Amino acid sequence: QAPGKQRELVAQILSGDTTNYADSVKGRFTISRDNAKNTVYLQM
């Protein structure tokens, strides 16, 4: 969420590791998960 703007989806990862991204970040951002660490990441 940027100042004065609505919150927007950036990236999502499903339980089967399927991912989807906002058009504005495709090719630049990567979402990933480490189930053993209960952690999700966003590489930008």
Full PDB file with SEQRES, HELIX, SHEET, SSBOND, CRYST1, ORIGX, SCALE, CONECT and MASTER records, all heavy atoms in Angstrom:
SEQRES   1 A   44  GLN ALA PRO GLY LYS GLN ARG GLU LEU VAL ALA GLN ILE          
SEQRES   2 A   44  LEU SER GLY ASP THR THR ASN TYR ALA ASP SER VAL LYS          
SEQRES   3 A   44  GLY ARG PHE THR ILE SER ARG ASP ASN ALA LYS ASN THR          
SEQRES   4 A   44  VAL TYR LEU GLN MET                                          
HELIX    1 AA1 ASN A   35  LYS A   37  5                                   3    
SHEET    1 AA1 2 ALA A  11  ILE A  13  0                                        
SHEET    2 AA1 2 THR A  19  TYR A  21 -1                                        
SHEET    1 AA2 2 THR A  30  ASP A  34  0                                        
SHEET    2 AA2 2 THR A  39  GLN A  43 -1                                        
CRYST1    1.000    1.000    1.000  90.00  90.00  90.00 P 1           1          
ORIGX1      1.000000  0.000000  0.000000        0.00000                         
ORIGX2      0.000000  1.000000  0.000000        0.00000                         
ORIGX3      0.000000  0.000000  1.000000        0.00000                         
SCALE1      1.000000  0.000000  0.000000        0.00000                         
SCALE2      0.000000  1.000000  0.000000        0.00000                         
SCALE3      0.000000  0.000000  1.000000        0.00000                         
ATOM      1  N   GLN A   1       0.845  -1.189   0.000  1.00  0.00           N  
ATOM      2  CA  GLN A   1       0.000   0.000   0.000  1.00  0.00           C  
ATOM      3  C   GLN A   1       0.878   1.236   0.000  1.00  0.00           C  
ATOM      4  O   GLN A   1       1.671   1.447   0.933  1.00  0.00           O  
ATOM      5  CB  GLN A   1      -0.945   0.012   1.201  1.00  0.00           C  
ATOM      6  CG  GLN A   1      -1.971   1.127   1.151  1.00  0.00           C  
ATOM      7  CD  GLN A   1      -3.086   0.937   2.148  1.00  0.00           C  
ATOM      8  OE1 GLN A   1      -2.968   0.189   3.121  1.00  0.00           O  
ATOM      9  NE2 GLN A   1      -4.213   1.604   1.919  1.00  0.00           N  
ATOM     10  N   ALA A   2       0.752   2.014  -1.052  1.00  0.00           N  
ATOM     11  CA  ALA A   2       1.470   3.277  -1.164  1.00  0.00           C  
ATOM     12  C   ALA A   2       0.582   4.392  -0.616  1.00  0.00           C  
ATOM     13  O   ALA A   2      -0.652   4.256  -0.585  1.00  0.00           O  
ATOM     14  CB  ALA A   2       1.828   3.542  -2.616  1.00  0.00           C  
ATOM     15  N   PRO A   3       1.184   5.511  -0.208  1.00  0.00           N  
ATOM     16  CA  PRO A   3       0.387   6.623   0.327  1.00  0.00           C  
ATOM     17  C   PRO A   3      -0.686   7.071  -0.652  1.00  0.00           C  
ATOM     18  O   PRO A   3      -0.422   7.285  -1.829  1.00  0.00           O  
ATOM     19  CB  PRO A   3       1.430   7.716   0.544  1.00  0.00           C  
ATOM     20  CG  PRO A   3       2.703   6.986   0.764  1.00  0.00           C  
ATOM     21  CD  PRO A   3       2.629   5.792  -0.136  1.00  0.00           C  
ATOM     22  N   GLY A   4      -1.917   7.174  -0.156  1.00  0.00           N  
ATOM     23  CA  GLY A   4      -3.018   7.636  -0.982  1.00  0.00           C  
ATOM     24  C   GLY A   4      -3.577   6.621  -1.947  1.00  0.00           C  
ATOM     25  O   GLY A   4      -4.451   6.950  -2.756  1.00  0.00           O  
ATOM     26  N   LYS A   5      -3.083   5.387  -1.877  1.00  0.00           N  
ATOM     27  CA  LYS A   5      -3.547   4.355  -2.799  1.00  0.00           C  
ATOM     28  C   LYS A   5      -4.138   3.177  -2.033  1.00  0.00           C  
ATOM     29  O   LYS A   5      -3.875   2.982  -0.855  1.00  0.00           O  
ATOM     30  CB  LYS A   5      -2.401   3.879  -3.688  1.00  0.00           C  
ATOM     31  CG  LYS A   5      -1.866   4.947  -4.622  1.00  0.00           C  
ATOM     32  CD  LYS A   5      -0.862   4.369  -5.602  1.00  0.00           C  
ATOM     33  CE  LYS A   5      -0.392   5.420  -6.587  1.00  0.00           C  
ATOM     34  NZ  LYS A   5       0.581   4.858  -7.558  1.00  0.00           N  
ATOM     35  N   GLN A   6      -4.923   2.375  -2.735  1.00  0.00           N  
ATOM     36  CA  GLN A   6      -5.481   1.179  -2.126  1.00  0.00           C  
ATOM     37  C   GLN A   6      -4.423   0.079  -2.040  1.00  0.00           C  
ATOM     38  O   GLN A   6      -3.474   0.043  -2.827  1.00  0.00           O  
ATOM     39  CB  GLN A   6      -6.676   0.685  -2.961  1.00  0.00           C  
ATOM     40  CG  GLN A   6      -7.910   1.564  -2.867  1.00  0.00           C  
ATOM     41  CD  GLN A   6      -9.112   0.938  -3.545  1.00  0.00           C  
ATOM     42  OE1 GLN A   6      -8.989   0.150  -4.471  1.00  0.00           O  
ATOM     43  NE2 GLN A   6     -10.303   1.280  -3.052  1.00  0.00           N  
ATOM     44  N   ARG A   7      -4.619  -0.807  -1.094  1.00  0.00           N  
ATOM     45  CA  ARG A   7      -3.722  -1.953  -0.979  1.00  0.00           C  
ATOM     46  C   ARG A   7      -3.907  -2.835  -2.210  1.00  0.00           C  
ATOM     47  O   ARG A   7      -5.028  -3.050  -2.661  1.00  0.00           O  
ATOM     48  CB  ARG A   7      -4.022  -2.745   0.295  1.00  0.00           C  
ATOM     49  CG  ARG A   7      -2.977  -3.773   0.636  1.00  0.00           C  
ATOM     50  CD  ARG A   7      -3.228  -4.420   1.989  1.00  0.00           C  
ATOM     51  NE  ARG A   7      -3.129  -3.461   3.087  1.00  0.00           N  
ATOM     52  CZ  ARG A   7      -3.083  -3.811   4.362  1.00  0.00           C  
ATOM     53  NH1 ARG A   7      -3.141  -5.088   4.700  1.00  0.00           N  
ATOM     54  NH2 ARG A   7      -3.010  -2.898   5.312  1.00  0.00           N  
ATOM     55  N   GLU A   8      -2.793  -3.322  -2.747  1.00  0.00           N  
ATOM     56  CA  GLU A   8      -2.850  -4.156  -3.946  1.00  0.00           C  
ATOM     57  C   GLU A   8      -2.069  -5.442  -3.753  1.00  0.00           C  
ATOM     58  O   GLU A   8      -1.067  -5.484  -3.039  1.00  0.00           O  
ATOM     59  CB  GLU A   8      -2.299  -3.401  -5.163  1.00  0.00           C  
ATOM     60  CG  GLU A   8      -0.848  -3.002  -5.042  1.00  0.00           C  
ATOM     61  CD  GLU A   8      -0.294  -2.363  -6.314  1.00  0.00           C  
ATOM     62  OE1 GLU A   8      -0.972  -2.371  -7.352  1.00  0.00           O  
ATOM     63  OE2 GLU A   8       0.849  -1.869  -6.254  1.00  0.00           O  
ATOM     64  N   LEU A   9      -2.543  -6.478  -4.412  1.00  0.00           N  
ATOM     65  CA  LEU A   9      -1.848  -7.753  -4.401  1.00  0.00           C  
ATOM     66  C   LEU A   9      -0.542  -7.634  -5.194  1.00  0.00           C  
ATOM     67  O   LEU A   9      -0.536  -7.100  -6.304  1.00  0.00           O  
ATOM     68  CB  LEU A   9      -2.726  -8.826  -5.024  1.00  0.00           C  
ATOM     69  CG  LEU A   9      -2.097 -10.196  -5.256  1.00  0.00           C  
ATOM     70  CD1 LEU A   9      -1.776 -10.873  -3.942  1.00  0.00           C  
ATOM     71  CD2 LEU A   9      -3.011 -11.071  -6.102  1.00  0.00           C  
ATOM     72  N   VAL A  10       0.527  -8.127  -4.623  1.00  0.00           N  
ATOM     73  CA  VAL A  10       1.824  -8.127  -5.302  1.00  0.00           C  
ATOM     74  C   VAL A  10       2.149  -9.531  -5.815  1.00  0.00           C  
ATOM     75  O   VAL A  10       2.481  -9.715  -6.981  1.00  0.00           O  
ATOM     76  CB  VAL A  10       2.937  -7.646  -4.362  1.00  0.00           C  
ATOM     77  CG1 VAL A  10       4.304  -7.786  -5.029  1.00  0.00           C  
ATOM     78  CG2 VAL A  10       2.692  -6.202  -3.935  1.00  0.00           C  
ATOM     79  N   ALA A  11       2.060 -10.518  -4.934  1.00  0.00           N  
ATOM     80  CA  ALA A  11       2.404 -11.884  -5.314  1.00  0.00           C  
ATOM     81  C   ALA A  11       1.730 -12.852  -4.359  1.00  0.00           C  
ATOM     82  O   ALA A  11       1.513 -12.527  -3.190  1.00  0.00           O  
ATOM     83  CB  ALA A  11       3.916 -12.094  -5.285  1.00  0.00           C  
ATOM     84  N   GLN A  12       1.439 -14.044  -4.861  1.00  0.00           N  
ATOM     85  CA  GLN A  12       0.778 -15.056  -4.059  1.00  0.00           C  
ATOM     86  C   GLN A  12       1.347 -16.412  -4.414  1.00  0.00           C  
ATOM     87  O   GLN A  12       1.691 -16.665  -5.564  1.00  0.00           O  
ATOM     88  CB  GLN A  12      -0.733 -15.016  -4.329  1.00  0.00           C  
ATOM     89  CG  GLN A  12      -1.562 -15.949  -3.467  1.00  0.00           C  
ATOM     90  CD  GLN A  12      -3.034 -15.578  -3.534  1.00  0.00           C  
ATOM     91  OE1 GLN A  12      -3.543 -14.815  -2.719  1.00  0.00           O  
ATOM     92  NE2 GLN A  12      -3.726 -16.135  -4.526  1.00  0.00           N  
ATOM     93  N   ILE A  13       1.460 -17.287  -3.405  1.00  0.00           N  
ATOM     94  CA  ILE A  13       1.946 -18.640  -3.623  1.00  0.00           C  
ATOM     95  C   ILE A  13       0.966 -19.599  -2.967  1.00  0.00           C  
ATOM     96  O   ILE A  13       0.617 -19.459  -1.792  1.00  0.00           O  
ATOM     97  CB  ILE A  13       3.390 -18.809  -3.093  1.00  0.00           C  
ATOM     98  CG1 ILE A  13       3.920 -20.211  -3.420  1.00  0.00           C  
ATOM     99  CG2 ILE A  13       3.496 -18.496  -1.602  1.00  0.00           C  
ATOM    100  CD1 ILE A  13       5.440 -20.319  -3.225  1.00  0.00           C  
ATOM    101  N   LEU A  14       0.511 -20.574  -3.748  1.00  0.00           N  
ATOM    102  CA  LEU A  14      -0.450 -21.547  -3.247  1.00  0.00           C  
ATOM    103  C   LEU A  14       0.265 -22.720  -2.590  1.00  0.00           C  
ATOM    104  O   LEU A  14       1.489 -22.844  -2.692  1.00  0.00           O  
ATOM    105  CB  LEU A  14      -1.336 -22.024  -4.402  1.00  0.00           C  
ATOM    106  CG  LEU A  14      -2.019 -20.936  -5.225  1.00  0.00           C  
ATOM    107  CD1 LEU A  14      -2.924 -21.537  -6.281  1.00  0.00           C  
ATOM    108  CD2 LEU A  14      -2.776 -19.976  -4.342  1.00  0.00           C  
ATOM    109  N   SER A  15      -0.487 -23.595  -1.951  1.00  0.00           N  
ATOM    110  CA  SER A  15       0.109 -24.709  -1.228  1.00  0.00           C  
ATOM    111  C   SER A  15       0.908 -25.624  -2.150  1.00  0.00           C  
ATOM    112  O   SER A  15       1.871 -26.241  -1.724  1.00  0.00           O  
ATOM    113  CB  SER A  15      -0.968 -25.514  -0.498  1.00  0.00           C  
ATOM    114  OG  SER A  15      -1.920 -26.007  -1.410  1.00  0.00           O  
ATOM    115  N   GLY A  16       0.543 -25.706  -3.422  1.00  0.00           N  
ATOM    116  CA  GLY A  16       1.284 -26.522  -4.370  1.00  0.00           C  
ATOM    117  C   GLY A  16       2.398 -25.771  -5.061  1.00  0.00           C  
ATOM    118  O   GLY A  16       2.968 -26.252  -6.039  1.00  0.00           O  
ATOM    119  N   ASP A  17       2.718 -24.578  -4.533  1.00  0.00           N  
ATOM    120  CA  ASP A  17       3.796 -23.721  -5.042  1.00  0.00           C  
ATOM    121  C   ASP A  17       3.470 -23.036  -6.369  1.00  0.00           C  
ATOM    122  O   ASP A  17       4.364 -22.486  -7.004  1.00  0.00           O  
ATOM    123  CB  ASP A  17       5.119 -24.468  -5.139  1.00  0.00           C  
ATOM    124  CG  ASP A  17       5.730 -24.716  -3.766  1.00  0.00           C  
ATOM    125  OD1 ASP A  17       5.277 -24.073  -2.796  1.00  0.00           O  
ATOM    126  OD2 ASP A  17       6.647 -25.546  -3.664  1.00  0.00           O  
ATOM    127  N   THR A  18       2.223 -23.077  -6.791  1.00  0.00           N  
ATOM    128  CA  THR A  18       1.809 -22.230  -7.915  1.00  0.00           C  
ATOM    129  C   THR A  18       1.883 -20.773  -7.472  1.00  0.00           C  
ATOM    130  O   THR A  18       1.481 -20.442  -6.354  1.00  0.00           O  
ATOM    131  CB  THR A  18       0.377 -22.566  -8.343  1.00  0.00           C  
ATOM    132  OG1 THR A  18       0.320 -23.922  -8.777  1.00  0.00           O  
ATOM    133  CG2 THR A  18      -0.089 -21.650  -9.463  1.00  0.00           C  
ATOM    134  N   THR A  19       2.411 -19.930  -8.343  1.00  0.00           N  
ATOM    135  CA  THR A  19       2.558 -18.523  -7.992  1.00  0.00           C  
ATOM    136  C   THR A  19       1.813 -17.641  -8.989  1.00  0.00           C  
ATOM    137  O   THR A  19       1.590 -18.031 -10.139  1.00  0.00           O  
ATOM    138  CB  THR A  19       4.031 -18.102  -7.977  1.00  0.00           C  
ATOM    139  OG1 THR A  19       4.614 -18.371  -9.263  1.00  0.00           O  
ATOM    140  CG2 THR A  19       4.810 -18.875  -6.924  1.00  0.00           C  
ATOM    141  N   ASN A  20       1.441 -16.462  -8.533  1.00  0.00           N  
ATOM    142  CA  ASN A  20       0.932 -15.446  -9.447  1.00  0.00           C  
ATOM    143  C   ASN A  20       1.379 -14.084  -8.967  1.00  0.00           C  
ATOM    144  O   ASN A  20       1.660 -13.885  -7.774  1.00  0.00           O  
ATOM    145  CB  ASN A  20      -0.581 -15.526  -9.620  1.00  0.00           C  
ATOM    146  CG  ASN A  20      -1.329 -15.501  -8.315  1.00  0.00           C  
ATOM    147  OD1 ASN A  20      -1.432 -14.459  -7.677  1.00  0.00           O  
ATOM    148  ND2 ASN A  20      -1.852 -16.636  -7.911  1.00  0.00           N  
ATOM    149  N   TYR A  21       1.498 -13.173  -9.923  1.00  0.00           N  
ATOM    150  CA  TYR A  21       2.093 -11.864  -9.665  1.00  0.00           C  
ATOM    151  C   TYR A  21       1.253 -10.759 -10.302  1.00  0.00           C  
ATOM    152  O   TYR A  21       0.594 -10.961 -11.340  1.00  0.00           O  
ATOM    153  CB  TYR A  21       3.500 -11.791 -10.262  1.00  0.00           C  
ATOM    154  CG  TYR A  21       4.474 -12.771  -9.671  1.00  0.00           C  
ATOM    155  CD1 TYR A  21       4.658 -14.031 -10.218  1.00  0.00           C  
ATOM    156  CD2 TYR A  21       5.232 -12.431  -8.545  1.00  0.00           C  
ATOM    157  CE1 TYR A  21       5.544 -14.934  -9.671  1.00  0.00           C  
ATOM    158  CE2 TYR A  21       6.130 -13.320  -7.990  1.00  0.00           C  
ATOM    159  CZ  TYR A  21       6.276 -14.576  -8.554  1.00  0.00           C  
ATOM    160  OH  TYR A  21       7.162 -15.464  -8.005  1.00  0.00           O  
ATOM    161  N   ALA A  22       1.327  -9.587  -9.699  1.00  0.00           N  
ATOM    162  CA  ALA A  22       0.783  -8.399 -10.346  1.00  0.00           C  
ATOM    163  C   ALA A  22       1.598  -8.120 -11.604  1.00  0.00           C  
ATOM    164  O   ALA A  22       2.814  -8.357 -11.627  1.00  0.00           O  
ATOM    165  CB  ALA A  22       0.851  -7.211  -9.400  1.00  0.00           C  
ATOM    166  N   ASP A  23       0.945  -7.605 -12.627  1.00  0.00           N  
ATOM    167  CA  ASP A  23       1.649  -7.315 -13.877  1.00  0.00           C  
ATOM    168  C   ASP A  23       2.829  -6.367 -13.658  1.00  0.00           C  
ATOM    169  O   ASP A  23       3.856  -6.476 -14.334  1.00  0.00           O  
ATOM    170  CB  ASP A  23       0.680  -6.705 -14.893  1.00  0.00           C  
ATOM    171  CG  ASP A  23      -0.304  -7.725 -15.450  1.00  0.00           C  
ATOM    172  OD1 ASP A  23      -0.046  -8.944 -15.330  1.00  0.00           O  
ATOM    173  OD2 ASP A  23      -1.338  -7.298 -16.003  1.00  0.00           O  
ATOM    174  N   SER A  24       2.679  -5.461 -12.708  1.00  0.00           N  
ATOM    175  CA  SER A  24       3.701  -4.445 -12.485  1.00  0.00           C  
ATOM    176  C   SER A  24       4.998  -5.003 -11.920  1.00  0.00           C  
ATOM    177  O   SER A  24       6.032  -4.325 -11.959  1.00  0.00           O  
ATOM    178  CB  SER A  24       3.167  -3.357 -11.550  1.00  0.00           C  
ATOM    179  OG  SER A  24       2.771  -3.920 -10.309  1.00  0.00           O  
ATOM    180  N   VAL A  25       4.974  -6.226 -11.389  1.00  0.00           N  
ATOM    181  CA  VAL A  25       6.191  -6.791 -10.775  1.00  0.00           C  
ATOM    182  C   VAL A  25       6.671  -8.063 -11.470  1.00  0.00           C  
ATOM    183  O   VAL A  25       7.722  -8.591 -11.103  1.00  0.00           O  
ATOM    184  CB  VAL A  25       5.984  -7.068  -9.275  1.00  0.00           C  
ATOM    185  CG1 VAL A  25       5.478  -5.829  -8.555  1.00  0.00           C  
ATOM    186  CG2 VAL A  25       5.054  -8.258  -9.042  1.00  0.00           C  
ATOM    187  N   LYS A  26       5.932  -8.543 -12.450  1.00  0.00           N  
ATOM    188  CA  LYS A  26       6.329  -9.773 -13.143  1.00  0.00           C  
ATOM    189  C   LYS A  26       7.721  -9.625 -13.741  1.00  0.00           C  
ATOM    190  O   LYS A  26       8.044  -8.608 -14.354  1.00  0.00           O  
ATOM    191  CB  LYS A  26       5.328 -10.109 -14.248  1.00  0.00           C  
ATOM    192  CG  LYS A  26       4.060 -10.757 -13.754  1.00  0.00           C  
ATOM    193  CD  LYS A  26       3.120 -11.069 -14.906  1.00  0.00           C  
ATOM    194  CE  LYS A  26       1.822 -11.689 -14.399  1.00  0.00           C  
ATOM    195  NZ  LYS A  26       0.858 -11.935 -15.496  1.00  0.00           N  
ATOM    196  N   GLY A  27       8.535 -10.649 -13.536  1.00  0.00           N  
ATOM    197  CA  GLY A  27       9.899 -10.633 -14.042  1.00  0.00           C  
ATOM    198  C   GLY A  27      10.891  -9.937 -13.132  1.00  0.00           C  
ATOM    199  O   GLY A  27      12.102 -10.020 -13.353  1.00  0.00           O  
ATOM    200  N   ARG A  28      10.393  -9.260 -12.107  1.00  0.00           N  
ATOM    201  CA  ARG A  28      11.290  -8.553 -11.171  1.00  0.00           C  
ATOM    202  C   ARG A  28      11.203  -9.115  -9.758  1.00  0.00           C  
ATOM    203  O   ARG A  28      12.208  -9.134  -9.046  1.00  0.00           O  
ATOM    204  CB  ARG A  28      10.940  -7.053 -11.132  1.00  0.00           C  
ATOM    205  CG  ARG A  28      11.052  -6.361 -12.460  1.00  0.00           C  
ATOM    206  CD  ARG A  28      10.900  -4.842 -12.304  1.00  0.00           C  
ATOM    207  NE  ARG A  28       9.583  -4.466 -11.795  1.00  0.00           N  
ATOM    208  CZ  ARG A  28       9.394  -3.761 -10.669  1.00  0.00           C  
ATOM    209  NH1 ARG A  28      10.430  -3.369  -9.945  1.00  0.00           N  
ATOM    210  NH2 ARG A  28       8.169  -3.424 -10.303  1.00  0.00           N  
ATOM    211  N   PHE A  29      10.021  -9.545  -9.350  1.00  0.00           N  
ATOM    212  CA  PHE A  29       9.811 -10.065  -7.992  1.00  0.00           C  
ATOM    213  C   PHE A  29       9.602 -11.574  -8.048  1.00  0.00           C  
ATOM    214  O   PHE A  29       9.017 -12.100  -9.002  1.00  0.00           O  
ATOM    215  CB  PHE A  29       8.577  -9.436  -7.360  1.00  0.00           C  
ATOM    216  CG  PHE A  29       8.704  -7.973  -7.016  1.00  0.00           C  
ATOM    217  CD1 PHE A  29       9.762  -7.193  -7.463  1.00  0.00           C  
ATOM    218  CD2 PHE A  29       7.732  -7.365  -6.224  1.00  0.00           C  
ATOM    219  CE1 PHE A  29       9.869  -5.854  -7.136  1.00  0.00           C  
ATOM    220  CE2 PHE A  29       7.823  -6.019  -5.881  1.00  0.00           C  
ATOM    221  CZ  PHE A  29       8.889  -5.269  -6.342  1.00  0.00           C  
ATOM    222  N   THR A  30      10.047 -12.258  -6.994  1.00  0.00           N  
ATOM    223  CA  THR A  30       9.843 -13.696  -6.876  1.00  0.00           C  
ATOM    224  C   THR A  30       9.384 -14.024  -5.465  1.00  0.00           C  
ATOM    225  O   THR A  30      10.057 -13.664  -4.490  1.00  0.00           O  
ATOM    226  CB  THR A  30      11.132 -14.468  -7.180  1.00  0.00           C  
ATOM    227  OG1 THR A  30      11.598 -14.141  -8.494  1.00  0.00           O  
ATOM    228  CG2 THR A  30      10.888 -15.971  -7.107  1.00  0.00           C  
ATOM    229  N   ILE A  31       8.262 -14.720  -5.368  1.00  0.00           N  
ATOM    230  CA  ILE A  31       7.769 -15.179  -4.071  1.00  0.00           C  
ATOM    231  C   ILE A  31       8.167 -16.638  -3.890  1.00  0.00           C  
ATOM    232  O   ILE A  31       8.153 -17.429  -4.851  1.00  0.00           O  
ATOM    233  CB  ILE A  31       6.234 -15.004  -3.952  1.00  0.00           C  
ATOM    234  CG1 ILE A  31       5.756 -15.312  -2.529  1.00  0.00           C  
ATOM    235  CG2 ILE A  31       5.486 -15.839  -4.994  1.00  0.00           C  
ATOM    236  CD1 ILE A  31       4.301 -14.932  -2.286  1.00  0.00           C  
ATOM    237  N   SER A  32       8.550 -16.991  -2.676  1.00  0.00           N  
ATOM    238  CA  SER A  32       8.919 -18.372  -2.384  1.00  0.00           C  
ATOM    239  C   SER A  32       8.568 -18.679  -0.933  1.00  0.00           C  
ATOM    240  O   SER A  32       8.234 -17.772  -0.162  1.00  0.00           O  
ATOM    241  CB  SER A  32      10.417 -18.600  -2.639  1.00  0.00           C  
ATOM    242  OG  SER A  32      11.196 -17.786  -1.790  1.00  0.00           O  
ATOM    243  N   ARG A  33       8.654 -19.945  -0.581  1.00  0.00           N  
ATOM    244  CA  ARG A  33       8.296 -20.348   0.770  1.00  0.00           C  
ATOM    245  C   ARG A  33       9.260 -21.421   1.257  1.00  0.00           C  
ATOM    246  O   ARG A  33       9.799 -22.193   0.462  1.00  0.00           O  
ATOM    247  CB  ARG A  33       6.865 -20.887   0.797  1.00  0.00           C  
ATOM    248  CG  ARG A  33       6.661 -22.125  -0.065  1.00  0.00           C  
ATOM    249  CD  ARG A  33       5.176 -22.355  -0.374  1.00  0.00           C  
ATOM    250  NE  ARG A  33       4.427 -22.687   0.827  1.00  0.00           N  
ATOM    251  CZ  ARG A  33       3.118 -22.535   0.926  1.00  0.00           C  
ATOM    252  NH1 ARG A  33       2.417 -22.057  -0.092  1.00  0.00           N  
ATOM    253  NH2 ARG A  33       2.497 -22.868   2.040  1.00  0.00           N  
ATOM    254  N   ASP A  34       9.464 -21.448   2.566  1.00  0.00           N  
ATOM    255  CA  ASP A  34      10.227 -22.507   3.214  1.00  0.00           C  
ATOM    256  C   ASP A  34       9.303 -23.094   4.274  1.00  0.00           C  
ATOM    257  O   ASP A  34       9.144 -22.518   5.359  1.00  0.00           O  
ATOM    258  CB  ASP A  34      11.509 -21.944   3.829  1.00  0.00           C  
ATOM    259  CG  ASP A  34      12.398 -23.038   4.396  1.00  0.00           C  
ATOM    260  OD1 ASP A  34      11.889 -24.111   4.797  1.00  0.00           O  
ATOM    261  OD2 ASP A  34      13.612 -22.819   4.466  1.00  0.00           O  
ATOM    262  N   ASN A  35       8.691 -24.211   3.957  1.00  0.00           N  
ATOM    263  CA  ASN A  35       7.715 -24.790   4.875  1.00  0.00           C  
ATOM    264  C   ASN A  35       8.350 -25.234   6.194  1.00  0.00           C  
ATOM    265  O   ASN A  35       7.699 -25.185   7.242  1.00  0.00           O  
ATOM    266  CB  ASN A  35       7.010 -25.970   4.207  1.00  0.00           C  
ATOM    267  CG  ASN A  35       6.134 -25.541   3.051  1.00  0.00           C  
ATOM    268  OD1 ASN A  35       5.650 -24.398   3.002  1.00  0.00           O  
ATOM    269  ND2 ASN A  35       5.925 -26.424   2.093  1.00  0.00           N  
ATOM    270  N   ALA A  36       9.593 -25.654   6.132  1.00  0.00           N  
ATOM    271  CA  ALA A  36      10.275 -26.096   7.357  1.00  0.00           C  
ATOM    272  C   ALA A  36      10.487 -24.944   8.327  1.00  0.00           C  
ATOM    273  O   ALA A  36      10.525 -25.145   9.545  1.00  0.00           O  
ATOM    274  CB  ALA A  36      11.611 -26.742   7.004  1.00  0.00           C  
ATOM    275  N   LYS A  37      10.624 -23.744   7.791  1.00  0.00           N  
ATOM    276  CA  LYS A  37      10.856 -22.562   8.624  1.00  0.00           C  
ATOM    277  C   LYS A  37       9.586 -21.725   8.814  1.00  0.00           C  
ATOM    278  O   LYS A  37       9.642 -20.661   9.444  1.00  0.00           O  
ATOM    279  CB  LYS A  37      11.951 -21.689   8.014  1.00  0.00           C  
ATOM    280  CG  LYS A  37      13.316 -22.355   7.971  1.00  0.00           C  
ATOM    281  CD  LYS A  37      14.369 -21.410   7.398  1.00  0.00           C  
ATOM    282  CE  LYS A  37      15.748 -22.056   7.414  1.00  0.00           C  
ATOM    283  NZ  LYS A  37      16.783 -21.146   6.858  1.00  0.00           N  
ATOM    284  N   ASN A  38       8.476 -22.169   8.240  1.00  0.00           N  
ATOM    285  CA  ASN A  38       7.217 -21.400   8.322  1.00  0.00           C  
ATOM    286  C   ASN A  38       7.428 -19.959   7.881  1.00  0.00           C  
ATOM    287  O   ASN A  38       6.962 -19.008   8.535  1.00  0.00           O  
ATOM    288  CB  ASN A  38       6.640 -21.444   9.735  1.00  0.00           C  
ATOM    289  CG  ASN A  38       6.192 -22.826  10.143  1.00  0.00           C  
ATOM    290  OD1 ASN A  38       5.914 -23.675   9.285  1.00  0.00           O  
ATOM    291  ND2 ASN A  38       6.138 -23.078  11.431  1.00  0.00           N  
ATOM    292  N   THR A  39       8.137 -19.794   6.765  1.00  0.00           N  
ATOM    293  CA  THR A  39       8.520 -18.468   6.301  1.00  0.00           C  
ATOM    294  C   THR A  39       8.229 -18.330   4.807  1.00  0.00           C  
ATOM    295  O   THR A  39       8.468 -19.260   4.038  1.00  0.00           O  
ATOM    296  CB  THR A  39      10.001 -18.201   6.573  1.00  0.00           C  
ATOM    297  OG1 THR A  39      10.248 -18.307   7.983  1.00  0.00           O  
ATOM    298  CG2 THR A  39      10.404 -16.803   6.111  1.00  0.00           C  
ATOM    299  N   VAL A  40       7.736 -17.159   4.439  1.00  0.00           N  
ATOM    300  CA  VAL A  40       7.533 -16.830   3.032  1.00  0.00           C  
ATOM    301  C   VAL A  40       8.409 -15.624   2.710  1.00  0.00           C  
ATOM    302  O   VAL A  40       8.613 -14.740   3.557  1.00  0.00           O  
ATOM    303  CB  VAL A  40       6.047 -16.561   2.729  1.00  0.00           C  
ATOM    304  CG1 VAL A  40       5.496 -15.407   3.548  1.00  0.00           C  
ATOM    305  CG2 VAL A  40       5.810 -16.338   1.250  1.00  0.00           C  
ATOM    306  N   TYR A  41       8.946 -15.607   1.501  1.00  0.00           N  
ATOM    307  CA  TYR A  41       9.898 -14.585   1.094  1.00  0.00           C  
ATOM    308  C   TYR A  41       9.384 -13.831  -0.136  1.00  0.00           C  
ATOM    309  O   TYR A  41       8.590 -14.356  -0.916  1.00  0.00           O  
ATOM    310  CB  TYR A  41      11.249 -15.214   0.749  1.00  0.00           C  
ATOM    311  CG  TYR A  41      11.845 -16.042   1.849  1.00  0.00           C  
ATOM    312  CD1 TYR A  41      11.701 -17.430   1.869  1.00  0.00           C  
ATOM    313  CD2 TYR A  41      12.562 -15.440   2.877  1.00  0.00           C  
ATOM    314  CE1 TYR A  41      12.244 -18.192   2.885  1.00  0.00           C  
ATOM    315  CE2 TYR A  41      13.119 -16.203   3.899  1.00  0.00           C  
ATOM    316  CZ  TYR A  41      12.951 -17.575   3.892  1.00  0.00           C  
ATOM    317  OH  TYR A  41      13.498 -18.329   4.911  1.00  0.00           O  
ATOM    318  N   LEU A  42       9.898 -12.635  -0.300  1.00  0.00           N  
ATOM    319  CA  LEU A  42       9.664 -11.877  -1.524  1.00  0.00           C  
ATOM    320  C   LEU A  42      11.000 -11.276  -1.946  1.00  0.00           C  
ATOM    321  O   LEU A  42      11.505 -10.365  -1.292  1.00  0.00           O  
ATOM    322  CB  LEU A  42       8.622 -10.784  -1.336  1.00  0.00           C  
ATOM    323  CG  LEU A  42       8.235 -10.047  -2.610  1.00  0.00           C  
ATOM    324  CD1 LEU A  42       7.476 -10.971  -3.567  1.00  0.00           C  
ATOM    325  CD2 LEU A  42       7.404  -8.799  -2.307  1.00  0.00           C  
ATOM    326  N   GLN A  43      11.573 -11.829  -2.996  1.00  0.00           N  
ATOM    327  CA  GLN A  43      12.801 -11.281  -3.553  1.00  0.00           C  
ATOM    328  C   GLN A  43      12.415 -10.217  -4.570  1.00  0.00           C  
ATOM    329  O   GLN A  43      11.695 -10.500  -5.529  1.00  0.00           O  
ATOM    330  CB  GLN A  43      13.624 -12.387  -4.230  1.00  0.00           C  
ATOM    331  CG  GLN A  43      14.881 -11.902  -4.900  1.00  0.00           C  
ATOM    332  CD  GLN A  43      15.913 -11.385  -3.908  1.00  0.00           C  
ATOM    333  OE1 GLN A  43      16.147 -12.004  -2.869  1.00  0.00           O  
ATOM    334  NE2 GLN A  43      16.531 -10.250  -4.220  1.00  0.00           N  
ATOM    335  N   MET A  44      12.907  -9.013  -4.353  1.00  0.00           N  
ATOM    336  CA  MET A  44      12.557  -7.882  -5.213  1.00  0.00           C  
ATOM    337  C   MET A  44      13.821  -7.367  -5.889  1.00  0.00           C  
ATOM    338  O   MET A  44      14.748  -6.908  -5.216  1.00  0.00           O  
ATOM    339  CB  MET A  44      11.905  -6.779  -4.388  1.00  0.00           C  
ATOM    340  CG  MET A  44      10.697  -7.245  -3.585  1.00  0.00           C  
ATOM    341  SD  MET A  44       9.840  -5.905  -2.744  1.00  0.00           S  
ATOM    342  CE  MET A  44      11.081  -5.415  -1.556  1.00  0.00           C  
TER     343      MET A  44                                                      
MASTER        0    0    0    1    4    0    0    6  342    1    0    4          
END                                                                             
